[in-house]
Amino acid sequence: MAYLIDEQKLEKVYLKSYHSIGRFKYNVDTLINSPEISRHHAIIEHTQGNWLIRDVSTNGIWINDKKISKNLPYQLCLNDKIDFAAPGRSSFVVGDLSTDCQFLVSQSDSNKVIEIKDQLLLPNEQEATHIAYFDSMLNYWFLEDLFTNDRQVLIDGGLISIFNDQWQFYCSSPSTITKQLKSEIAQNIEYALSFNVSLDEENTQLTLNVANKTFDLGTRSHHYLLLLLARTRILDKQAGLEPELQGWMYREELAKALGIQMNHMNIMVHRAKKQLADACMEVFPEFAYMLESENGKLRLNCHDITIVKGSKLETRISI
C-alpha cells in the first residue's frame, strides 16, 4: 500500500490513485491547515506503474530540498522528502510506493486498515459474512454479501458501510478496465454515446449503444460531465489533434467548467463509472471505465458521439 508519513504528526497518509493535497477543507484528500498552503496545492497520481506529484500551488513544492517545476509531473521515489510551500515546512516522507495491495481504511479510526491482495473473508474466516475479491474476467474489485449474494463494485476512494463503520477503499491501479476497454476497441466492437441535452442545459439524457444493444441511462447530473468531455474531444478532433491527444481535461479545469468543487466533481466521476458498470455488468462490464485518467486529467474514451440540444442536432462525429 502506498503512503506518505506526516513528519509532524507521525501518521501515515494513504494514497488514492488520484490524491489531492491542500488547505481546502472537505475538498482535498489530505488537509494541511496552514496559511501558506494553497487551497489545492498538489496532486499525486499513480500512472503506468509510477507515482507522480504535480505542483498546482502558489508557493511551490520542494523534493529533497529542490523546488520542482509547477504543473509538471515529478516521479516520486521511496524516502523522498516532500516540503509544501517552503523548505522544512509541512514536511512528508514517502513511506511506501507499492501497488500490489488494495486496502480498506476505517473512517472512525485510521489505524484500522484491512489489506486485500487476492480475496479476503471478512471480518475473518471463522465468522465470515462478506468476501472482497478481484474478478479477473470483469477486471473489477467486488464486495459480496455471503448471505444474500448481493455485491457492489469497489471504486478507488469510494466509501462502503459494513460492520457498523464506514470504510474507504484504496486501489492504486484503476486503469485495468481502461486497458481492457482499449483492447476491445482494437477488436472493432461498435459502441456509441448519444446525448440529449435541454436548451438550458439543465438536463442531460444519455443512451449507450453497444454492438446493437441499447442501454437507456436516463437523465443524471453526471451526464453533463460526460457531455463536457465529449464536446472537448470533438473540438480537439476538429482542431486536428492526434487521437491520443484528443479530449483530455485537467480535473481542476473540469470542476471549474461545471461550477462545482473538486470533491463534488470526483463524486460525479464515480457515479458515472458506477452507472456504466451497473448498466453493462452482464454483457459489457469493461465500459465502466470509459472514463480514462492520466496525470490528473480525464477524457471520454468514445469514438462515436451524437449530441442533440433541444430538438436540433448539435453534432455527430465518429472519431
C-alpha atoms as a PDB file:
ATOM      1  CA  MET A   1       0.000   0.000   0.000  1.00  0.00           C
ATOM      2  CA  ALA A   2       1.302   3.436  -0.888  1.00  0.00           C
ATOM      3  CA  TYR A   3       1.508   6.101   1.782  1.00  0.00           C
ATOM      4  CA  LEU A   4       3.322   9.219   2.966  1.00  0.00           C
ATOM      5  CA  ILE A   5       4.399   9.858   6.556  1.00  0.00           C
ATOM      6  CA  ASP A   6       3.463  13.199   8.099  1.00  0.00           C
ATOM      7  CA  GLU A   7       6.686  14.181   9.907  1.00  0.00           C
ATOM      8  CA  GLN A   8       4.853  16.422  12.376  1.00  0.00           C
ATOM      9  CA  LYS A   9       2.033  14.064  13.333  1.00  0.00           C
ATOM     10  CA  LEU A  10       3.995  10.845  12.634  1.00  0.00           C
ATOM     11  CA  GLU A  11       0.896   9.464  10.899  1.00  0.00           C
ATOM     12  CA  LYS A  12       0.510   7.553   7.660  1.00  0.00           C
ATOM     13  CA  VAL A  13      -1.321   9.278   4.813  1.00  0.00           C
ATOM     14  CA  TYR A  14      -2.675   6.594   2.483  1.00  0.00           C
ATOM     15  CA  LEU A  15      -2.689   7.487  -1.205  1.00  0.00           C
ATOM     16  CA  LYS A  16      -5.568   7.086  -3.619  1.00  0.00           C
ATOM     17  CA  SER A  17      -4.700   6.576  -7.278  1.00  0.00           C
ATOM     18  CA  TYR A  18      -5.581  10.280  -7.688  1.00  0.00           C
ATOM     19  CA  HIS A  19      -4.839  12.160  -4.480  1.00  0.00           C
ATOM     20  CA  SER A  20      -5.213  15.884  -3.790  1.00  0.00           C
ATOM     21  CA  ILE A  21      -3.436  17.861  -1.046  1.00  0.00           C
ATOM     22  CA  GLY A  22      -4.204  21.393   0.163  1.00  0.00           C
ATOM     23  CA  ARG A  23      -5.989  23.537   2.753  1.00  0.00           C
ATOM     24  CA  PHE A  24      -9.452  23.481   1.138  1.00  0.00           C
ATOM     25  CA  LYS A  25     -11.295  21.576   3.863  1.00  0.00           C
ATOM     26  CA  TYR A  26     -13.724  18.882   2.631  1.00  0.00           C
ATOM     27  CA  ASN A  27     -12.406  19.336  -0.919  1.00  0.00           C
ATOM     28  CA  VAL A  28      -8.999  17.649  -0.730  1.00  0.00           C
ATOM     29  CA  ASP A  29      -7.935  14.135   0.251  1.00  0.00           C
ATOM     30  CA  THR A  30      -5.233  15.364   2.630  1.00  0.00           C
ATOM     31  CA  LEU A  31      -5.746  18.616   4.521  1.00  0.00           C
ATOM     32  CA  ILE A  32      -2.794  20.835   5.511  1.00  0.00           C
ATOM     33  CA  ASN A  33      -4.275  23.678   7.528  1.00  0.00           C
ATOM     34  CA  SER A  34      -1.586  26.349   7.123  1.00  0.00           C
ATOM     35  CA  PRO A  35      -1.998  29.809   5.538  1.00  0.00           C
ATOM     36  CA  GLU A  36       0.944  29.365   3.160  1.00  0.00           C
ATOM     37  CA  ILE A  37      -0.648  26.223   1.688  1.00  0.00           C
ATOM     38  CA  SER A  38      -2.835  26.752  -1.383  1.00  0.00           C
ATOM     39  CA  ARG A  39      -6.440  25.573  -1.401  1.00  0.00           C
ATOM     40  CA  HIS A  40      -5.343  22.976  -3.945  1.00  0.00           C
ATOM     41  CA  HIS A  41      -1.587  22.612  -3.518  1.00  0.00           C
ATOM     42  CA  ALA A  42      -0.565  19.280  -5.025  1.00  0.00           C
ATOM     43  CA  ILE A  43      -1.859  16.305  -6.950  1.00  0.00           C
ATOM     44  CA  ILE A  44      -0.345  12.831  -6.557  1.00  0.00           C
ATOM     45  CA  GLU A  45      -1.375  10.211  -9.110  1.00  0.00           C
ATOM     46  CA  HIS A  46      -0.439   6.625  -9.906  1.00  0.00           C
ATOM     47  CA  THR A  47       0.011   6.085 -13.631  1.00  0.00           C
ATOM     48  CA  GLN A  48       1.833   3.468 -15.705  1.00  0.00           C
ATOM     49  CA  GLY A  49       3.487   1.945 -12.631  1.00  0.00           C
ATOM     50  CA  ASN A  50       4.809   5.226 -11.220  1.00  0.00           C
ATOM     51  CA  TRP A  51       3.648   7.667  -8.560  1.00  0.00           C
ATOM     52  CA  LEU A  52       3.796  11.251  -9.825  1.00  0.00           C
ATOM     53  CA  ILE A  53       3.368  14.545  -7.958  1.00  0.00           C
ATOM     54  CA  ARG A  54       2.310  17.803  -9.621  1.00  0.00           C
ATOM     55  CA  ASP A  55       2.593  21.284  -8.119  1.00  0.00           C
ATOM     56  CA  VAL A  56      -0.625  23.283  -8.653  1.00  0.00           C
ATOM     57  CA  SER A  57       0.105  25.822  -5.899  1.00  0.00           C
ATOM     58  CA  THR A  58       1.201  29.426  -5.453  1.00  0.00           C
ATOM     59  CA  ASN A  59       4.122  28.835  -3.076  1.00  0.00           C
ATOM     60  CA  GLY A  60       5.587  25.654  -4.547  1.00  0.00           C
ATOM     61  CA  ILE A  61       6.825  22.184  -3.575  1.00  0.00           C
ATOM     62  CA  TRP A  62      10.324  21.020  -2.655  1.00  0.00           C
ATOM     63  CA  ILE A  63      11.511  17.419  -3.134  1.00  0.00           C
ATOM     64  CA  ASN A  64      14.672  16.627  -1.193  1.00  0.00           C
ATOM     65  CA  ASP A  65      15.261  20.387  -0.772  1.00  0.00           C
ATOM     66  CA  LYS A  66      14.965  21.140  -4.503  1.00  0.00           C
ATOM     67  CA  LYS A  67      11.984  23.059  -5.853  1.00  0.00           C
ATOM     68  CA  ILE A  68      10.094  21.257  -8.621  1.00  0.00           C
ATOM     69  CA  SER A  69       8.598  22.900 -11.701  1.00  0.00           C
ATOM     70  CA  LYS A  70       4.983  23.970 -11.479  1.00  0.00           C
ATOM     71  CA  ASN A  71       2.327  21.899 -13.298  1.00  0.00           C
ATOM     72  CA  LEU A  72       4.876  19.308 -14.474  1.00  0.00           C
ATOM     73  CA  PRO A  73       4.700  15.728 -13.125  1.00  0.00           C
ATOM     74  CA  TYR A  74       7.642  14.642 -10.957  1.00  0.00           C
ATOM     75  CA  GLN A  75       8.240  10.953 -10.218  1.00  0.00           C
ATOM     76  CA  LEU A  76       8.329  10.098  -6.525  1.00  0.00           C
ATOM     77  CA  CYS A  77      10.829   7.648  -5.041  1.00  0.00           C
ATOM     78  CA  LEU A  78      10.914   5.811  -1.735  1.00  0.00           C
ATOM     79  CA  ASN A  79      12.144   8.004   1.158  1.00  0.00           C
ATOM     80  CA  ASP A  80      11.746  11.252  -0.809  1.00  0.00           C
ATOM     81  CA  LYS A  81      11.172  14.223   1.496  1.00  0.00           C
ATOM     82  CA  ILE A  82       8.349  16.489   0.332  1.00  0.00           C
ATOM     83  CA  ASP A  83       8.022  20.056   1.682  1.00  0.00           C
ATOM     84  CA  PHE A  84       4.918  22.063   0.849  1.00  0.00           C
ATOM     85  CA  ALA A  85       5.120  25.896   0.480  1.00  0.00           C
ATOM     86  CA  ALA A  86       8.702  26.222   1.868  1.00  0.00           C
ATOM     87  CA  PRO A  87      11.721  24.012   2.666  1.00  0.00           C
ATOM     88  CA  GLY A  88      11.330  22.427   6.085  1.00  0.00           C
ATOM     89  CA  ARG A  89       7.629  23.332   6.339  1.00  0.00           C
ATOM     90  CA  SER A  90       4.673  20.916   6.180  1.00  0.00           C
ATOM     91  CA  SER A  91       7.038  18.008   5.540  1.00  0.00           C
ATOM     92  CA  PHE A  92       6.151  14.474   4.492  1.00  0.00           C
ATOM     93  CA  VAL A  93       8.306  11.448   3.650  1.00  0.00           C
ATOM     94  CA  VAL A  94       7.425   8.821   1.054  1.00  0.00           C
ATOM     95  CA  GLY A  95       6.992   5.672   3.154  1.00  0.00           C
ATOM     96  CA  ASP A  96       5.752   3.170   0.572  1.00  0.00           C
ATOM     97  CA  LEU A  97       5.038   3.154  -3.159  1.00  0.00           C
ATOM     98  CA  SER A  98       3.856  -0.430  -3.566  1.00  0.00           C
ATOM     99  CA  THR A  99       0.941  -1.139  -5.874  1.00  0.00           C
ATOM    100  CA  ASP A 100       0.287  -4.843  -5.284  1.00  0.00           C
ATOM    101  CA  CYS A 101      -2.197  -4.390  -2.459  1.00  0.00           C
ATOM    102  CA  GLN A 102      -5.640  -2.861  -2.087  1.00  0.00           C
ATOM    103  CA  PHE A 103      -6.932  -1.855   1.320  1.00  0.00           C
ATOM    104  CA  LEU A 104      -9.862  -0.552   3.335  1.00  0.00           C
ATOM    105  CA  VAL A 105      -9.307   2.201   5.916  1.00  0.00           C
ATOM    106  CA  SER A 106     -11.804   2.814   8.714  1.00  0.00           C
ATOM    107  CA  GLN A 107     -13.235   6.345   8.737  1.00  0.00           C
ATOM    108  CA  SER A 108     -13.611   6.260  12.527  1.00  0.00           C
ATOM    109  CA  ASP A 109     -10.050   5.069  13.238  1.00  0.00           C
ATOM    110  CA  SER A 110      -7.394   5.496  10.529  1.00  0.00           C
ATOM    111  CA  ASN A 111      -5.199   2.944  12.294  1.00  0.00           C
ATOM    112  CA  LYS A 112      -7.718   0.220  11.370  1.00  0.00           C
ATOM    113  CA  VAL A 113      -6.590  -0.973   7.936  1.00  0.00           C
ATOM    114  CA  ILE A 114      -7.661  -4.115   6.077  1.00  0.00           C
ATOM    115  CA  GLU A 115      -5.254  -5.276   3.350  1.00  0.00           C
ATOM    116  CA  ILE A 116      -6.698  -7.109   0.336  1.00  0.00           C
ATOM    117  CA  LYS A 117      -4.320  -8.816  -2.106  1.00  0.00           C
ATOM    118  CA  ASP A 118      -6.392 -11.502  -3.817  1.00  0.00           C
ATOM    119  CA  GLN A 119      -9.541 -12.348  -1.908  1.00  0.00           C
ATOM    120  CA  LEU A 120     -10.364 -11.910   1.737  1.00  0.00           C
ATOM    121  CA  LEU A 121     -13.130 -13.192   4.000  1.00  0.00           C
ATOM    122  CA  LEU A 122     -14.495 -10.529   6.341  1.00  0.00           C
ATOM    123  CA  PRO A 123     -14.436  -9.959   9.242  1.00  0.00           C
ATOM    124  CA  ASN A 124     -12.446 -13.234   9.477  1.00  0.00           C
ATOM    125  CA  GLU A 125     -12.506 -16.770   8.100  1.00  0.00           C
ATOM    126  CA  GLN A 126     -14.362 -18.198  11.108  1.00  0.00           C
ATOM    127  CA  GLU A 127     -17.192 -15.639  11.148  1.00  0.00           C
ATOM    128  CA  ALA A 128     -17.239 -14.523   7.536  1.00  0.00           C
ATOM    129  CA  THR A 129     -20.243 -12.523   6.333  1.00  0.00           C
ATOM    130  CA  HIS A 130     -18.604 -10.846   3.321  1.00  0.00           C
ATOM    131  CA  ILE A 131     -15.869 -11.511   0.808  1.00  0.00           C
ATOM    132  CA  ALA A 132     -13.725  -8.963  -1.026  1.00  0.00           C
ATOM    133  CA  TYR A 133     -12.239 -10.252  -4.258  1.00  0.00           C
ATOM    134  CA  PHE A 134     -10.943  -9.371  -7.717  1.00  0.00           C
ATOM    135  CA  ASP A 135     -12.850 -10.753 -10.697  1.00  0.00           C
ATOM    136  CA  SER A 136     -10.197 -11.240 -13.390  1.00  0.00           C
ATOM    137  CA  MET A 137     -12.811 -11.764 -16.096  1.00  0.00           C
ATOM    138  CA  LEU A 138     -14.524  -8.459 -15.382  1.00  0.00           C
ATOM    139  CA  ASN A 139     -11.437  -6.584 -14.116  1.00  0.00           C
ATOM    140  CA  TYR A 140     -13.327  -5.364 -11.038  1.00  0.00           C
ATOM    141  CA  TRP A 141     -12.916  -5.460  -7.284  1.00  0.00           C
ATOM    142  CA  PHE A 142     -16.130  -6.555  -5.561  1.00  0.00           C
ATOM    143  CA  LEU A 143     -17.513  -6.781  -2.047  1.00  0.00           C
ATOM    144  CA  GLU A 144     -20.096  -9.560  -1.808  1.00  0.00           C
ATOM    145  CA  ASP A 145     -22.542 -10.409   0.971  1.00  0.00           C
ATOM    146  CA  LEU A 146     -22.162 -14.144   1.572  1.00  0.00           C
ATOM    147  CA  PHE A 147     -25.756 -14.445   2.801  1.00  0.00           C
ATOM    148  CA  THR A 148     -27.660 -12.545   0.123  1.00  0.00           C
ATOM    149  CA  ASN A 149     -25.106 -12.751  -2.738  1.00  0.00           C
ATOM    150  CA  ASP A 150     -25.570  -9.020  -3.244  1.00  0.00           C
ATOM    151  CA  ARG A 151     -22.358  -7.460  -4.437  1.00  0.00           C
ATOM    152  CA  GLN A 152     -21.071  -3.986  -5.097  1.00  0.00           C
ATOM    153  CA  VAL A 153     -18.188  -2.685  -7.168  1.00  0.00           C
ATOM    154  CA  LEU A 154     -15.319  -1.291  -5.104  1.00  0.00           C
ATOM    155  CA  ILE A 155     -14.129   2.015  -6.601  1.00  0.00           C
ATOM    156  CA  ASP A 156     -10.902   3.760  -5.618  1.00  0.00           C
ATOM    157  CA  GLY A 157     -11.763   6.369  -2.988  1.00  0.00           C
ATOM    158  CA  GLY A 158     -15.305   5.050  -2.608  1.00  0.00           C
ATOM    159  CA  LEU A 159     -16.989   4.526   0.756  1.00  0.00           C
ATOM    160  CA  ILE A 160     -18.740   1.359   1.920  1.00  0.00           C
ATOM    161  CA  SER A 161     -20.634   0.634   5.125  1.00  0.00           C
ATOM    162  CA  ILE A 162     -20.025  -2.696   6.878  1.00  0.00           C
ATOM    163  CA  PHE A 163     -19.551  -3.844  10.463  1.00  0.00           C
ATOM    164  CA  ASN A 164     -21.120  -0.661  11.896  1.00  0.00           C
ATOM    165  CA  ASP A 165     -18.445   1.515  10.335  1.00  0.00           C
ATOM    166  CA  GLN A 166     -17.621   3.330   7.116  1.00  0.00           C
ATOM    167  CA  TRP A 167     -14.549   2.250   5.183  1.00  0.00           C
ATOM    168  CA  GLN A 168     -12.744   3.885   2.292  1.00  0.00           C
ATOM    169  CA  PHE A 169     -11.368   1.665  -0.463  1.00  0.00           C
ATOM    170  CA  TYR A 170      -7.916   2.388  -1.906  1.00  0.00           C
ATOM    171  CA  CYS A 171      -6.719   0.860  -5.167  1.00  0.00           C
ATOM    172  CA  SER A 172      -3.587   2.085  -6.940  1.00  0.00           C
ATOM    173  CA  SER A 173      -4.374   0.528 -10.317  1.00  0.00           C
ATOM    174  CA  PRO A 174      -7.773   1.712 -11.620  1.00  0.00           C
ATOM    175  CA  SER A 175      -6.503   1.543 -15.197  1.00  0.00           C
ATOM    176  CA  THR A 176      -7.053  -2.208 -15.617  1.00  0.00           C
ATOM    177  CA  ILE A 177     -10.536  -1.780 -17.022  1.00  0.00           C
ATOM    178  CA  THR A 178      -9.386   1.081 -19.250  1.00  0.00           C
ATOM    179  CA  LYS A 179      -6.723  -1.225 -20.696  1.00  0.00           C
ATOM    180  CA  GLN A 180      -9.295  -3.922 -21.375  1.00  0.00           C
ATOM    181  CA  LEU A 181     -11.568  -1.357 -22.999  1.00  0.00           C
ATOM    182  CA  LYS A 182      -8.734  -0.313 -25.311  1.00  0.00           C
ATOM    183  CA  SER A 183      -8.227  -3.937 -26.344  1.00  0.00           C
ATOM    184  CA  GLU A 184     -11.940  -4.273 -27.082  1.00  0.00           C
ATOM    185  CA  ILE A 185     -11.792  -1.156 -29.241  1.00  0.00           C
ATOM    186  CA  ALA A 186      -8.928  -2.740 -31.152  1.00  0.00           C
ATOM    187  CA  GLN A 187     -11.246  -5.640 -31.904  1.00  0.00           C
ATOM    188  CA  ASN A 188     -13.702  -3.181 -33.511  1.00  0.00           C
ATOM    189  CA  ILE A 189     -16.611  -3.568 -31.122  1.00  0.00           C
ATOM    190  CA  GLU A 190     -19.063  -0.900 -32.220  1.00  0.00           C
ATOM    191  CA  TYR A 191     -20.282   1.382 -29.454  1.00  0.00           C
ATOM    192  CA  ALA A 192     -21.615   4.919 -29.281  1.00  0.00           C
ATOM    193  CA  LEU A 193     -22.913   7.539 -26.873  1.00  0.00           C
ATOM    194  CA  SER A 194     -25.954   9.693 -27.626  1.00  0.00           C
ATOM    195  CA  PHE A 195     -26.594  12.814 -25.544  1.00  0.00           C
ATOM    196  CA  ASN A 196     -29.894  14.686 -25.500  1.00  0.00           C
ATOM    197  CA  VAL A 197     -29.448  17.944 -23.594  1.00  0.00           C
ATOM    198  CA  SER A 198     -32.138  20.537 -22.877  1.00  0.00           C
ATOM    199  CA  LEU A 199     -31.847  24.060 -24.309  1.00  0.00           C
ATOM    200  CA  ASP A 200     -30.937  25.471 -20.892  1.00  0.00           C
ATOM    201  CA  GLU A 201     -28.506  22.552 -20.377  1.00  0.00           C
ATOM    202  CA  GLU A 202     -30.121  21.726 -17.033  1.00  0.00           C
ATOM    203  CA  ASN A 203     -30.981  18.138 -18.033  1.00  0.00           C
ATOM    204  CA  THR A 204     -28.876  15.635 -19.961  1.00  0.00           C
ATOM    205  CA  GLN A 205     -30.223  12.251 -21.067  1.00  0.00           C
ATOM    206  CA  LEU A 206     -27.731   9.592 -22.155  1.00  0.00           C
ATOM    207  CA  THR A 207     -28.010   6.431 -24.248  1.00  0.00           C
ATOM    208  CA  LEU A 208     -25.244   3.863 -24.700  1.00  0.00           C
ATOM    209  CA  ASN A 209     -25.298   1.679 -27.803  1.00  0.00           C
ATOM    210  CA  VAL A 210     -23.019  -1.358 -27.829  1.00  0.00           C
ATOM    211  CA  ALA A 211     -22.983  -3.994 -30.560  1.00  0.00           C
ATOM    212  CA  ASN A 212     -26.634  -3.377 -31.468  1.00  0.00           C
ATOM    213  CA  LYS A 213     -27.703  -3.327 -27.815  1.00  0.00           C
ATOM    214  CA  THR A 214     -29.194  -0.112 -26.407  1.00  0.00           C
ATOM    215  CA  PHE A 215     -28.902   0.950 -22.762  1.00  0.00           C
ATOM    216  CA  ASP A 216     -31.050   3.932 -21.751  1.00  0.00           C
ATOM    217  CA  LEU A 217     -29.145   5.534 -18.869  1.00  0.00           C
ATOM    218  CA  GLY A 218     -31.813   8.139 -18.182  1.00  0.00           C
ATOM    219  CA  THR A 219     -31.197  11.709 -17.015  1.00  0.00           C
ATOM    220  CA  ARG A 220     -28.495  12.244 -14.396  1.00  0.00           C
ATOM    221  CA  SER A 221     -26.417  15.221 -13.295  1.00  0.00           C
ATOM    222  CA  HIS A 222     -23.160  13.396 -14.044  1.00  0.00           C
ATOM    223  CA  HIS A 223     -24.215  13.024 -17.686  1.00  0.00           C
ATOM    224  CA  TYR A 224     -23.417  16.719 -18.125  1.00  0.00           C
ATOM    225  CA  LEU A 225     -19.833  15.991 -17.038  1.00  0.00           C
ATOM    226  CA  LEU A 226     -19.643  13.320 -19.751  1.00  0.00           C
ATOM    227  CA  LEU A 227     -21.145  15.793 -22.217  1.00  0.00           C
ATOM    228  CA  LEU A 228     -18.418  18.377 -21.479  1.00  0.00           C
ATOM    229  CA  LEU A 229     -15.752  15.729 -22.043  1.00  0.00           C
ATOM    230  CA  ALA A 230     -17.476  14.669 -25.277  1.00  0.00           C
ATOM    231  CA  ARG A 231     -17.531  18.256 -26.541  1.00  0.00           C
ATOM    232  CA  THR A 232     -13.853  18.673 -25.664  1.00  0.00           C
ATOM    233  CA  ARG A 233     -12.948  15.572 -27.644  1.00  0.00           C
ATOM    234  CA  ILE A 234     -14.984  16.767 -30.632  1.00  0.00           C
ATOM    235  CA  LEU A 235     -13.329  20.215 -30.574  1.00  0.00           C
ATOM    236  CA  ASP A 236      -9.875  18.623 -30.413  1.00  0.00           C
ATOM    237  CA  LYS A 237     -10.790  16.386 -33.339  1.00  0.00           C
ATOM    238  CA  GLN A 238     -11.914  19.387 -35.363  1.00  0.00           C
ATOM    239  CA  ALA A 239      -8.684  21.209 -34.446  1.00  0.00           C
ATOM    240  CA  GLY A 240      -6.665  18.386 -35.994  1.00  0.00           C
ATOM    241  CA  LEU A 241      -5.150  16.868 -32.851  1.00  0.00           C
ATOM    242  CA  GLU A 242      -3.976  13.266 -32.994  1.00  0.00           C
ATOM    243  CA  PRO A 243      -6.439  10.749 -31.468  1.00  0.00           C
ATOM    244  CA  GLU A 244      -4.224  10.029 -28.447  1.00  0.00           C
ATOM    245  CA  LEU A 245      -4.183  13.773 -27.596  1.00  0.00           C
ATOM    246  CA  GLN A 246      -7.877  14.428 -28.055  1.00  0.00           C
ATOM    247  CA  GLY A 247     -10.319  15.132 -25.261  1.00  0.00           C
ATOM    248  CA  TRP A 248      -8.089  15.461 -22.193  1.00  0.00           C
ATOM    249  CA  MET A 249      -9.165  17.896 -19.450  1.00  0.00           C
ATOM    250  CA  TYR A 250      -7.444  18.503 -16.132  1.00  0.00           C
ATOM    251  CA  ARG A 251      -9.738  17.647 -13.237  1.00  0.00           C
ATOM    252  CA  GLU A 252      -9.442  21.195 -11.893  1.00  0.00           C
ATOM    253  CA  GLU A 253     -10.438  22.571 -15.297  1.00  0.00           C
ATOM    254  CA  LEU A 254     -13.426  20.249 -15.487  1.00  0.00           C
ATOM    255  CA  ALA A 255     -14.601  21.169 -11.982  1.00  0.00           C
ATOM    256  CA  LYS A 256     -14.360  24.856 -12.902  1.00  0.00           C
ATOM    257  CA  ALA A 257     -16.351  24.296 -16.111  1.00  0.00           C
ATOM    258  CA  LEU A 258     -19.051  22.519 -14.109  1.00  0.00           C
ATOM    259  CA  GLY A 259     -19.069  25.287 -11.498  1.00  0.00           C
ATOM    260  CA  ILE A 260     -18.623  22.836  -8.621  1.00  0.00           C
ATOM    261  CA  GLN A 261     -15.985  21.917  -6.068  1.00  0.00           C
ATOM    262  CA  MET A 262     -13.392  19.239  -6.786  1.00  0.00           C
ATOM    263  CA  ASN A 263     -14.832  16.699  -4.347  1.00  0.00           C
ATOM    264  CA  HIS A 264     -18.299  17.035  -5.912  1.00  0.00           C
ATOM    265  CA  MET A 265     -16.780  16.572  -9.360  1.00  0.00           C
ATOM    266  CA  ASN A 266     -14.938  13.417  -8.238  1.00  0.00           C
ATOM    267  CA  ILE A 267     -18.204  12.056  -6.820  1.00  0.00           C
ATOM    268  CA  MET A 268     -19.824  12.653 -10.214  1.00  0.00           C
ATOM    269  CA  VAL A 269     -16.991  10.745 -11.911  1.00  0.00           C
ATOM    270  CA  HIS A 270     -17.502   7.786  -9.576  1.00  0.00           C
ATOM    271  CA  ARG A 271     -21.252   7.855 -10.128  1.00  0.00           C
ATOM    272  CA  ALA A 272     -20.780   7.872 -13.899  1.00  0.00           C
ATOM    273  CA  LYS A 273     -18.443   4.871 -13.678  1.00  0.00           C
ATOM    274  CA  LYS A 274     -20.809   3.002 -11.385  1.00  0.00           C
ATOM    275  CA  GLN A 275     -23.809   3.637 -13.622  1.00  0.00           C
ATOM    276  CA  LEU A 276     -21.916   2.355 -16.661  1.00  0.00           C
ATOM    277  CA  ALA A 277     -20.834  -0.685 -14.631  1.00  0.00           C
ATOM    278  CA  ASP A 278     -24.370  -1.455 -13.492  1.00  0.00           C
ATOM    279  CA  ALA A 279     -25.895  -0.923 -16.948  1.00  0.00           C
ATOM    280  CA  CYS A 280     -23.474  -3.226 -18.756  1.00  0.00           C
ATOM    281  CA  MET A 281     -22.496  -5.592 -15.946  1.00  0.00           C
ATOM    282  CA  GLU A 282     -23.691  -8.815 -17.529  1.00  0.00           C
ATOM    283  CA  VAL A 283     -22.577  -8.239 -21.112  1.00  0.00           C
ATOM    284  CA  PHE A 284     -20.084  -5.386 -21.389  1.00  0.00           C
ATOM    285  CA  PRO A 285     -18.599  -4.641 -17.922  1.00  0.00           C
ATOM    286  CA  GLU A 286     -15.450  -3.065 -19.401  1.00  0.00           C
ATOM    287  CA  PHE A 287     -17.411   0.049 -20.339  1.00  0.00           C
ATOM    288  CA  ALA A 288     -17.498   1.081 -16.670  1.00  0.00           C
ATOM    289  CA  TYR A 289     -14.137   2.715 -17.247  1.00  0.00           C
ATOM    290  CA  MET A 290     -14.912   4.538 -20.458  1.00  0.00           C
ATOM    291  CA  LEU A 291     -13.555   7.499 -18.485  1.00  0.00           C
ATOM    292  CA  GLU A 292      -9.792   7.455 -18.887  1.00  0.00           C
ATOM    293  CA  SER A 293      -7.462   9.011 -16.317  1.00  0.00           C
ATOM    294  CA  GLU A 294      -3.863  10.097 -16.795  1.00  0.00           C
ATOM    295  CA  ASN A 295      -1.630  12.532 -14.875  1.00  0.00           C
ATOM    296  CA  GLY A 296      -4.545  14.370 -13.269  1.00  0.00           C
ATOM    297  CA  LYS A 297      -6.539  14.530 -16.494  1.00  0.00           C
ATOM    298  CA  LEU A 298      -9.734  12.870 -17.688  1.00  0.00           C
ATOM    299  CA  ARG A 299     -11.199  12.120 -21.072  1.00  0.00           C
ATOM    300  CA  LEU A 300     -14.113  10.226 -22.575  1.00  0.00           C
ATOM    301  CA  ASN A 301     -12.897   7.154 -24.437  1.00  0.00           C
ATOM    302  CA  CYS A 302     -15.628   7.008 -27.060  1.00  0.00           C
ATOM    303  CA  HIS A 303     -15.249   7.209 -30.822  1.00  0.00           C
ATOM    304  CA  ASP A 304     -18.879   7.702 -31.849  1.00  0.00           C
ATOM    305  CA  ILE A 305     -20.725  10.633 -30.260  1.00  0.00           C
ATOM    306  CA  THR A 306     -24.066  12.235 -31.034  1.00  0.00           C
ATOM    307  CA  ILE A 307     -25.270  15.402 -29.290  1.00  0.00           C
ATOM    308  CA  VAL A 308     -28.822  16.715 -29.642  1.00  0.00           C
ATOM    309  CA  LYS A 309     -29.648  20.025 -27.977  1.00  0.00           C
ATOM    310  CA  GLY A 310     -33.326  20.738 -27.598  1.00  0.00           C
ATOM    311  CA  SER A 311     -34.724  19.127 -30.715  1.00  0.00           C
ATOM    312  CA  LYS A 312     -31.825  20.026 -33.015  1.00  0.00           C
ATOM    313  CA  LEU A 313     -28.704  18.036 -33.821  1.00  0.00           C
ATOM    314  CA  GLU A 314     -25.700  19.855 -32.353  1.00  0.00           C
ATOM    315  CA  THR A 315     -23.116  17.434 -33.700  1.00  0.00           C
ATOM    316  CA  ARG A 316     -22.489  13.861 -34.649  1.00  0.00           C
ATOM    317  CA  ILE A 317     -18.961  12.689 -35.114  1.00  0.00           C
ATOM    318  CA  SER A 318     -17.003   9.471 -35.492  1.00  0.00           C
ATOM    319  CA  ILE A 319     -13.503   9.922 -34.138  1.00  0.00           C
END
